[in-house]
C-alpha atoms as a PDB file:
ATOM      1  CA  MET A   1      41.640  34.616  17.808  1.00  0.00           C
ATOM      2  CA  PHE A   2      39.191  34.540  20.696  1.00  0.00           C
ATOM      3  CA  TYR A   3      35.955  32.603  20.708  1.00  0.00           C
ATOM      4  CA  GLU A   4      32.983  32.417  23.037  1.00  0.00           C
ATOM      5  CA  GLU A   5      33.467  30.018  25.951  1.00  0.00           C
ATOM      6  CA  ASP A   6      30.250  28.117  25.228  1.00  0.00           C
ATOM      7  CA  ARG A   7      31.510  27.016  21.787  1.00  0.00           C
ATOM      8  CA  ARG A   8      33.427  24.194  23.421  1.00  0.00           C
ATOM      9  CA  HIS A   9      30.075  22.535  24.190  1.00  0.00           C
ATOM     10  CA  ARG A  10      28.733  22.875  20.638  1.00  0.00           C
ATOM     11  CA  PRO A  11      28.984  20.196  17.924  1.00  0.00           C
ATOM     12  CA  LEU A  12      31.977  19.595  15.725  1.00  0.00           C
ATOM     13  CA  VAL A  13      30.982  20.079  12.086  1.00  0.00           C
ATOM     14  CA  VAL A  14      33.079  18.158   9.563  1.00  0.00           C
ATOM     15  CA  VAL A  15      32.859  19.272   5.943  1.00  0.00           C
ATOM     16  CA  GLY A  16      34.457  16.920   3.469  1.00  0.00           C
ATOM     17  CA  SER A  17      34.519  13.804   1.359  1.00  0.00           C
ATOM     18  CA  ILE A  18      32.627  10.564   1.725  1.00  0.00           C
ATOM     19  CA  ASN A  19      33.494   7.570  -0.449  1.00  0.00           C
ATOM     20  CA  ALA A  20      32.590   3.978  -1.073  1.00  0.00           C
ATOM     21  CA  ASP A  21      35.879   2.069  -0.859  1.00  0.00           C
ATOM     22  CA  LEU A  22      35.837  -1.001  -3.124  1.00  0.00           C
ATOM     23  CA  VAL A  23      38.651  -3.218  -1.874  1.00  0.00           C
ATOM     24  CA  ILE A  24      39.746  -6.023  -4.229  1.00  0.00           C
ATOM     25  CA  GLU A  25      42.250  -8.611  -3.039  1.00  0.00           C
ATOM     26  CA  VAL A  26      44.900  -9.411  -5.670  1.00  0.00           C
ATOM     27  CA  ASP A  27      48.053 -11.526  -5.629  1.00  0.00           C
ATOM     28  CA  ARG A  28      49.865  -8.809  -7.585  1.00  0.00           C
ATOM     29  CA  LEU A  29      49.112  -5.780  -9.734  1.00  0.00           C
ATOM     30  CA  PRO A  30      48.315  -6.445 -13.399  1.00  0.00           C
ATOM     31  CA  LYS A  31      50.850  -5.466 -16.036  1.00  0.00           C
ATOM     32  CA  PRO A  32      49.786  -3.056 -18.804  1.00  0.00           C
ATOM     33  CA  GLY A  33      47.199  -4.794 -20.996  1.00  0.00           C
ATOM     34  CA  GLU A  34      46.976  -7.803 -18.653  1.00  0.00           C
ATOM     35  CA  THR A  35      43.865  -9.239 -17.001  1.00  0.00           C
ATOM     36  CA  ILE A  36      44.284 -11.115 -13.735  1.00  0.00           C
ATOM     37  CA  ALA A  37      41.842 -12.826 -11.390  1.00  0.00           C
ATOM     38  CA  GLY A  38      40.935 -11.045  -8.187  1.00  0.00           C
ATOM     39  CA  GLY A  39      39.977 -12.538  -4.865  1.00  0.00           C
ATOM     40  CA  ASN A  40      37.419 -11.236  -2.392  1.00  0.00           C
ATOM     41  CA  MET A  41      35.880  -7.833  -2.922  1.00  0.00           C
ATOM     42  CA  SER A  42      34.460  -5.788  -0.039  1.00  0.00           C
ATOM     43  CA  VAL A  43      32.800  -2.380   0.127  1.00  0.00           C
ATOM     44  CA  TYR A  44      33.631  -0.070   3.036  1.00  0.00           C
ATOM     45  CA  PRO A  45      32.639   3.505   3.850  1.00  0.00           C
ATOM     46  CA  GLY A  46      35.558   5.914   3.554  1.00  0.00           C
ATOM     47  CA  GLY A  47      36.715   9.388   2.597  1.00  0.00           C
ATOM     48  CA  LYS A  48      38.895  11.663   4.731  1.00  0.00           C
ATOM     49  CA  GLY A  49      35.961  13.767   5.885  1.00  0.00           C
ATOM     50  CA  ALA A  50      33.669  10.861   6.743  1.00  0.00           C
ATOM     51  CA  ASN A  51      36.488   9.029   8.529  1.00  0.00           C
ATOM     52  CA  GLN A  52      37.206  12.038  10.728  1.00  0.00           C
ATOM     53  CA  ALA A  53      33.525  12.537  11.529  1.00  0.00           C
ATOM     54  CA  ALA A  54      33.147   8.866  12.465  1.00  0.00           C
ATOM     55  CA  ALA A  55      36.241   8.993  14.693  1.00  0.00           C
ATOM     56  CA  ALA A  56      35.044  12.095  16.546  1.00  0.00           C
ATOM     57  CA  ALA A  57      31.566  10.666  17.094  1.00  0.00           C
ATOM     58  CA  LYS A  58      32.967   7.352  18.326  1.00  0.00           C
ATOM     59  CA  LEU A  59      34.952   9.306  20.909  1.00  0.00           C
ATOM     60  CA  GLY A  60      31.621  10.551  22.219  1.00  0.00           C
ATOM     61  CA  TYR A  61      31.693  14.094  20.831  1.00  0.00           C
ATOM     62  CA  PRO A  62      28.524  15.409  19.095  1.00  0.00           C
ATOM     63  CA  THR A  63      29.425  15.548  15.408  1.00  0.00           C
ATOM     64  CA  LYS A  64      27.669  16.675  12.247  1.00  0.00           C
ATOM     65  CA  PHE A  65      28.818  15.846   8.730  1.00  0.00           C
ATOM     66  CA  VAL A  66      28.329  18.112   5.728  1.00  0.00           C
ATOM     67  CA  GLY A  67      28.935  16.382   2.416  1.00  0.00           C
ATOM     68  CA  GLN A  68      27.502  15.127  -0.839  1.00  0.00           C
ATOM     69  CA  VAL A  69      26.660  11.743  -2.308  1.00  0.00           C
ATOM     70  CA  GLY A  70      25.383  10.777  -5.717  1.00  0.00           C
ATOM     71  CA  ARG A  71      22.076   9.173  -6.524  1.00  0.00           C
ATOM     72  CA  ASP A  72      23.479   5.671  -6.780  1.00  0.00           C
ATOM     73  CA  VAL A  73      23.506   2.322  -5.029  1.00  0.00           C
ATOM     74  CA  TYR A  74      26.286   3.345  -2.622  1.00  0.00           C
ATOM     75  CA  ALA A  75      24.646   6.476  -1.179  1.00  0.00           C
ATOM     76  CA  PRO A  76      22.245   4.761   1.300  1.00  0.00           C
ATOM     77  CA  THR A  77      25.068   2.572   2.621  1.00  0.00           C
ATOM     78  CA  LEU A  78      27.320   5.587   3.174  1.00  0.00           C
ATOM     79  CA  ARG A  79      24.618   7.493   5.051  1.00  0.00           C
ATOM     80  CA  THR A  80      23.775   4.485   7.221  1.00  0.00           C
ATOM     81  CA  ALA A  81      27.410   3.774   8.077  1.00  0.00           C
ATOM     82  CA  LEU A  82      27.943   7.311   9.397  1.00  0.00           C
ATOM     83  CA  ALA A  83      24.606   7.340  11.218  1.00  0.00           C
ATOM     84  CA  ASN A  84      25.580   4.071  12.924  1.00  0.00           C
ATOM     85  CA  CYS A  85      28.630   5.894  14.315  1.00  0.00           C
ATOM     86  CA  ASN A  86      26.246   8.456  15.858  1.00  0.00           C
ATOM     87  CA  VAL A  87      27.109  11.150  13.308  1.00  0.00           C
ATOM     88  CA  ASP A  88      24.328  13.588  12.403  1.00  0.00           C
ATOM     89  CA  VAL A  89      23.883  12.960   8.653  1.00  0.00           C
ATOM     90  CA  SER A  90      21.012  15.378   8.053  1.00  0.00           C
ATOM     91  CA  LYS A  91      23.355  17.736   6.156  1.00  0.00           C
ATOM     92  CA  ILE A  92      24.407  15.162   3.539  1.00  0.00           C
ATOM     93  CA  HIS A  93      22.876  16.194   0.229  1.00  0.00           C
ATOM     94  CA  SER A  94      22.286  14.080  -2.876  1.00  0.00           C
ATOM     95  CA  ILE A  95      23.189  15.304  -6.358  1.00  0.00           C
ATOM     96  CA  ASP A  96      22.980  13.745  -9.817  1.00  0.00           C
ATOM     97  CA  GLY A  97      25.814  11.396 -10.749  1.00  0.00           C
ATOM     98  CA  SER A  98      27.902   9.016  -8.701  1.00  0.00           C
ATOM     99  CA  SER A  99      29.109   9.112  -5.144  1.00  0.00           C
ATOM    100  CA  GLY A 100      32.825   9.246  -4.497  1.00  0.00           C
ATOM    101  CA  ILE A 101      34.379   5.842  -5.112  1.00  0.00           C
ATOM    102  CA  ALA A 102      37.860   4.502  -4.343  1.00  0.00           C
ATOM    103  CA  PHE A 103      39.010   1.364  -6.160  1.00  0.00           C
ATOM    104  CA  ILE A 104      41.643  -0.261  -3.950  1.00  0.00           C
ATOM    105  CA  MET A 105      43.765  -3.212  -5.057  1.00  0.00           C
ATOM    106  CA  LEU A 106      45.121  -4.899  -1.932  1.00  0.00           C
ATOM    107  CA  GLN A 107      48.096  -7.267  -2.165  1.00  0.00           C
ATOM    108  CA  PRO A 108      48.907 -10.013   0.395  1.00  0.00           C
ATOM    109  CA  ASN A 109      51.837  -8.019   1.850  1.00  0.00           C
ATOM    110  CA  GLY A 110      49.515  -5.116   2.681  1.00  0.00           C
ATOM    111  CA  GLU A 111      50.606  -2.909  -0.226  1.00  0.00           C
ATOM    112  CA  ASN A 112      47.700  -1.161  -1.917  1.00  0.00           C
ATOM    113  CA  SER A 113      47.119   0.813  -5.087  1.00  0.00           C
ATOM    114  CA  ILE A 114      44.191   3.208  -5.287  1.00  0.00           C
ATOM    115  CA  VAL A 115      42.198   4.851  -8.056  1.00  0.00           C
ATOM    116  CA  LEU A 116      39.968   7.600  -6.665  1.00  0.00           C
ATOM    117  CA  VAL A 117      36.860   8.847  -8.455  1.00  0.00           C
ATOM    118  CA  GLY A 118      35.778  12.097  -6.795  1.00  0.00           C
ATOM    119  CA  GLY A 119      32.144  11.934  -7.904  1.00  0.00           C
ATOM    120  CA  ALA A 120      29.835  14.103  -5.791  1.00  0.00           C
ATOM    121  CA  ASN A 121      32.736  15.147  -3.557  1.00  0.00           C
ATOM    122  CA  THR A 122      34.480  17.085  -6.312  1.00  0.00           C
ATOM    123  CA  SER A 123      31.418  18.757  -7.812  1.00  0.00           C
ATOM    124  CA  GLU A 124      31.727  22.564  -7.819  1.00  0.00           C
ATOM    125  CA  GLU A 125      27.967  22.816  -7.293  1.00  0.00           C
ATOM    126  CA  TRP A 126      27.759  22.181  -3.566  1.00  0.00           C
ATOM    127  CA  GLN A 127      24.359  22.771  -1.997  1.00  0.00           C
ATOM    128  CA  ILE A 128      25.103  25.344   0.696  1.00  0.00           C
ATOM    129  CA  THR A 129      21.562  25.694   1.999  1.00  0.00           C
ATOM    130  CA  ASP A 130      20.312  27.785   4.917  1.00  0.00           C
ATOM    131  CA  ASP A 131      20.371  24.795   7.282  1.00  0.00           C
ATOM    132  CA  VAL A 132      23.984  24.033   6.360  1.00  0.00           C
ATOM    133  CA  THR A 133      24.986  27.665   6.904  1.00  0.00           C
ATOM    134  CA  ALA A 134      23.257  27.652  10.298  1.00  0.00           C
ATOM    135  CA  ALA A 135      25.067  24.448  11.309  1.00  0.00           C
ATOM    136  CA  ILE A 136      28.440  25.968  10.384  1.00  0.00           C
ATOM    137  CA  GLN A 137      27.824  29.224  12.231  1.00  0.00           C
ATOM    138  CA  ASP A 138      26.549  27.451  15.356  1.00  0.00           C
ATOM    139  CA  ALA A 139      29.397  24.930  15.526  1.00  0.00           C
ATOM    140  CA  GLY A 140      31.989  24.540  18.229  1.00  0.00           C
ATOM    141  CA  ALA A 141      34.578  24.089  15.470  1.00  0.00           C
ATOM    142  CA  VAL A 142      34.633  23.280  11.758  1.00  0.00           C
ATOM    143  CA  LEU A 143      37.006  20.646  10.382  1.00  0.00           C
ATOM    144  CA  LEU A 144      38.004  20.697   6.688  1.00  0.00           C
ATOM    145  CA  GLN A 145      40.242  18.559   4.456  1.00  0.00           C
ATOM    146  CA  ARG A 146      41.247  18.811   0.782  1.00  0.00           C
ATOM    147  CA  GLU A 147      39.284  16.082  -1.021  1.00  0.00           C
ATOM    148  CA  ILE A 148      36.613  18.624  -1.981  1.00  0.00           C
ATOM    149  CA  PRO A 149      37.098  21.704  -4.215  1.00  0.00           C
ATOM    150  CA  GLU A 150      39.219  24.484  -2.744  1.00  0.00           C
ATOM    151  CA  THR A 151      36.528  27.009  -3.660  1.00  0.00           C
ATOM    152  CA  VAL A 152      34.070  25.105  -1.460  1.00  0.00           C
ATOM    153  CA  ASN A 153      36.525  25.004   1.462  1.00  0.00           C
ATOM    154  CA  VAL A 154      36.997  28.778   1.121  1.00  0.00           C
ATOM    155  CA  ILE A 155      33.231  29.345   1.334  1.00  0.00           C
ATOM    156  CA  PHE A 156      32.878  27.220   4.468  1.00  0.00           C
ATOM    157  CA  ALA A 157      35.978  28.706   6.098  1.00  0.00           C
ATOM    158  CA  LYS A 158      34.655  32.229   5.533  1.00  0.00           C
ATOM    159  CA  LEU A 159      31.209  31.303   6.868  1.00  0.00           C
ATOM    160  CA  ALA A 160      32.731  29.881  10.037  1.00  0.00           C
ATOM    161  CA  SER A 161      35.296  32.636  10.515  1.00  0.00           C
ATOM    162  CA  SER A 162      32.665  35.349  10.124  1.00  0.00           C
ATOM    163  CA  ALA A 163      30.759  33.737  13.021  1.00  0.00           C
ATOM    164  CA  ARG A 164      33.978  33.448  15.083  1.00  0.00           C
ATOM    165  CA  VAL A 165      33.945  29.653  14.801  1.00  0.00           C
ATOM    166  CA  PRO A 166      37.423  28.044  14.839  1.00  0.00           C
ATOM    167  CA  VAL A 167      38.363  26.410  11.516  1.00  0.00           C
ATOM    168  CA  ILE A 168      40.796  23.473  11.395  1.00  0.00           C
ATOM    169  CA  LEU A 169      42.196  22.380   8.026  1.00  0.00           C
ATOM    170  CA  ASP A 170      43.847  18.976   7.639  1.00  0.00           C
ATOM    171  CA  THR A 171      45.949  19.470   4.507  1.00  0.00           C
ATOM    172  CA  GLY A 172      45.764  15.837   3.374  1.00  0.00           C
ATOM    173  CA  GLY A 173      44.027  15.111   0.085  1.00  0.00           C
ATOM    174  CA  ALA A 174      45.721  17.480  -2.395  1.00  0.00           C
ATOM    175  CA  ASP A 175      49.201  18.692  -3.363  1.00  0.00           C
ATOM    176  CA  ARG A 176      48.186  22.079  -4.795  1.00  0.00           C
ATOM    177  CA  PRO A 177      49.049  25.365  -3.037  1.00  0.00           C
ATOM    178  CA  LEU A 178      46.563  26.741  -0.535  1.00  0.00           C
ATOM    179  CA  ALA A 179      44.379  29.657  -1.637  1.00  0.00           C
ATOM    180  CA  HIS A 180      45.174  32.889   0.211  1.00  0.00           C
ATOM    181  CA  ASP A 181      41.484  33.334   1.121  1.00  0.00           C
ATOM    182  CA  LEU A 182      41.620  29.945   2.784  1.00  0.00           C
ATOM    183  CA  LEU A 183      44.852  30.573   4.698  1.00  0.00           C
ATOM    184  CA  THR A 184      43.584  33.788   6.242  1.00  0.00           C
ATOM    185  CA  ASN A 185      40.399  32.146   7.538  1.00  0.00           C
ATOM    186  CA  ILE A 186      42.092  29.134   9.159  1.00  0.00           C
ATOM    187  CA  SER A 187      42.544  28.914  12.932  1.00  0.00           C
ATOM    188  CA  ILE A 188      44.700  25.765  12.853  1.00  0.00           C
ATOM    189  CA  LEU A 189      46.406  24.350   9.763  1.00  0.00           C
ATOM    190  CA  SER A 190      47.545  20.748  10.212  1.00  0.00           C
ATOM    191  CA  PRO A 191      49.997  19.241   7.689  1.00  0.00           C
ATOM    192  CA  ASN A 192      52.393  16.348   8.130  1.00  0.00           C
ATOM    193  CA  GLU A 193      56.089  16.904   7.383  1.00  0.00           C
ATOM    194  CA  THR A 194      55.752  15.962   3.704  1.00  0.00           C
ATOM    195  CA  GLU A 195      52.699  18.164   3.195  1.00  0.00           C
ATOM    196  CA  LEU A 196      54.453  21.038   4.973  1.00  0.00           C
ATOM    197  CA  GLN A 197      57.380  20.743   2.570  1.00  0.00           C
ATOM    198  CA  ARG A 198      55.061  20.759  -0.440  1.00  0.00           C
ATOM    199  CA  LEU A 199      53.084  23.758   0.808  1.00  0.00           C
ATOM    200  CA  THR A 200      56.134  25.908   1.511  1.00  0.00           C
ATOM    201  CA  GLY A 201      58.864  24.558  -0.775  1.00  0.00           C
ATOM    202  CA  MET A 202      61.093  24.505   2.314  1.00  0.00           C
ATOM    203  CA  PRO A 203      62.993  21.536   3.815  1.00  0.00           C
ATOM    204  CA  THR A 204      61.330  19.733   6.734  1.00  0.00           C
ATOM    205  CA  ARG A 205      63.864  17.047   7.643  1.00  0.00           C
ATOM    206  CA  THR A 206      64.634  18.442  11.107  1.00  0.00           C
ATOM    207  CA  GLU A 207      62.537  20.008  13.862  1.00  0.00           C
ATOM    208  CA  LYS A 208      64.255  23.360  13.270  1.00  0.00           C
ATOM    209  CA  GLN A 209      63.372  23.206   9.573  1.00  0.00           C
ATOM    210  CA  CYS A 210      59.758  22.288  10.376  1.00  0.00           C
ATOM    211  CA  ILE A 211      59.498  25.296  12.693  1.00  0.00           C
ATOM    212  CA  ALA A 212      60.850  27.616   9.979  1.00  0.00           C
ATOM    213  CA  ALA A 213      58.444  26.219   7.385  1.00  0.00           C
ATOM    214  CA  ALA A 214      55.496  26.489   9.779  1.00  0.00           C
ATOM    215  CA  GLU A 215      56.447  30.079  10.591  1.00  0.00           C
ATOM    216  CA  ASN A 216      56.372  30.794   6.863  1.00  0.00           C
ATOM    217  CA  LEU A 217      52.686  29.762   6.792  1.00  0.00           C
ATOM    218  CA  VAL A 218      51.959  31.833   9.899  1.00  0.00           C
ATOM    219  CA  HIS A 219      53.432  34.864   8.127  1.00  0.00           C
ATOM    220  CA  GLN A 220      51.004  34.182   5.262  1.00  0.00           C
ATOM    221  CA  GLY A 221      48.033  34.595   7.609  1.00  0.00           C
ATOM    222  CA  VAL A 222      47.426  31.265   9.372  1.00  0.00           C
ATOM    223  CA  ASN A 223      46.824  31.605  13.109  1.00  0.00           C
ATOM    224  CA  LYS A 224      48.495  28.334  14.166  1.00  0.00           C
ATOM    225  CA  VAL A 225      50.224  25.432  12.378  1.00  0.00           C
ATOM    226  CA  LEU A 226      50.097  21.978  13.958  1.00  0.00           C
ATOM    227  CA  VAL A 227      52.685  19.761  12.255  1.00  0.00           C
ATOM    228  CA  LYS A 228      52.117  15.992  12.530  1.00  0.00           C
ATOM    229  CA  MET A 229      55.532  14.330  12.881  1.00  0.00           C
ATOM    230  CA  GLY A 230      54.681  10.633  13.187  1.00  0.00           C
ATOM    231  CA  ALA A 231      56.466   8.853  16.011  1.00  0.00           C
ATOM    232  CA  LYS A 232      58.081  12.156  17.034  1.00  0.00           C
ATOM    233  CA  GLY A 233      54.702  13.601  18.014  1.00  0.00           C
ATOM    234  CA  SER A 234      53.400  17.000  16.922  1.00  0.00           C
ATOM    235  CA  LEU A 235      54.733  20.525  16.725  1.00  0.00           C
ATOM    236  CA  LEU A 236      52.607  23.655  17.282  1.00  0.00           C
ATOM    237  CA  VAL A 237      53.742  26.978  15.844  1.00  0.00           C
ATOM    238  CA  GLY A 238      51.607  30.104  16.134  1.00  0.00           C
ATOM    239  CA  LYS A 239      51.481  33.858  16.212  1.00  0.00           C
ATOM    240  CA  CYS A 240      53.173  35.517  19.174  1.00  0.00           C
END
């Protein structure tokens, strides 16, 4: 795929999830039917999409976030937290119901257990307004994840692809197979080794196996696959 040179100077648009993370300190997890006392509780902004937008903006790159919050007590805090990272939050829409919420039980050894309530993130009724469409089509690149409905990711990927905007999909957030309409509109698909195995059903224990599995996704229509391999770095496989 070839894109206009001036796109590299345009904003990154991140479409994805934004959550309120409620972190509760516990000595241990409760047994079934048991009530235990918790320690401190803190509320942090989170969500894969919001985290990526905040990271990009903190690196100094102009970043816009497209997402949804509920009409609840957490929504203003989530907007403010992203805005304080210099993210453009004008494309965050409010819908009835709750914002995304993650309940995180944190043990002293660092182990955590999480219950995720999708809330506004997982609503099928995303508000894809004219200003959101314009932001997507004028972006330097669009970054997606999988904590929002696949149907919504397909819509945004098609909008971007039709305007020749590169689309990057981080496959974290869901174990389900990727929709064909999504695969064929992705410029760069980025799974880790475990996600790559789940997406293809192929082994990914060695570099050679990762290459074969990534090539399988390329044959299905993806332009490039960037495999995250932890301490071993990354592996890029693409069309010849």
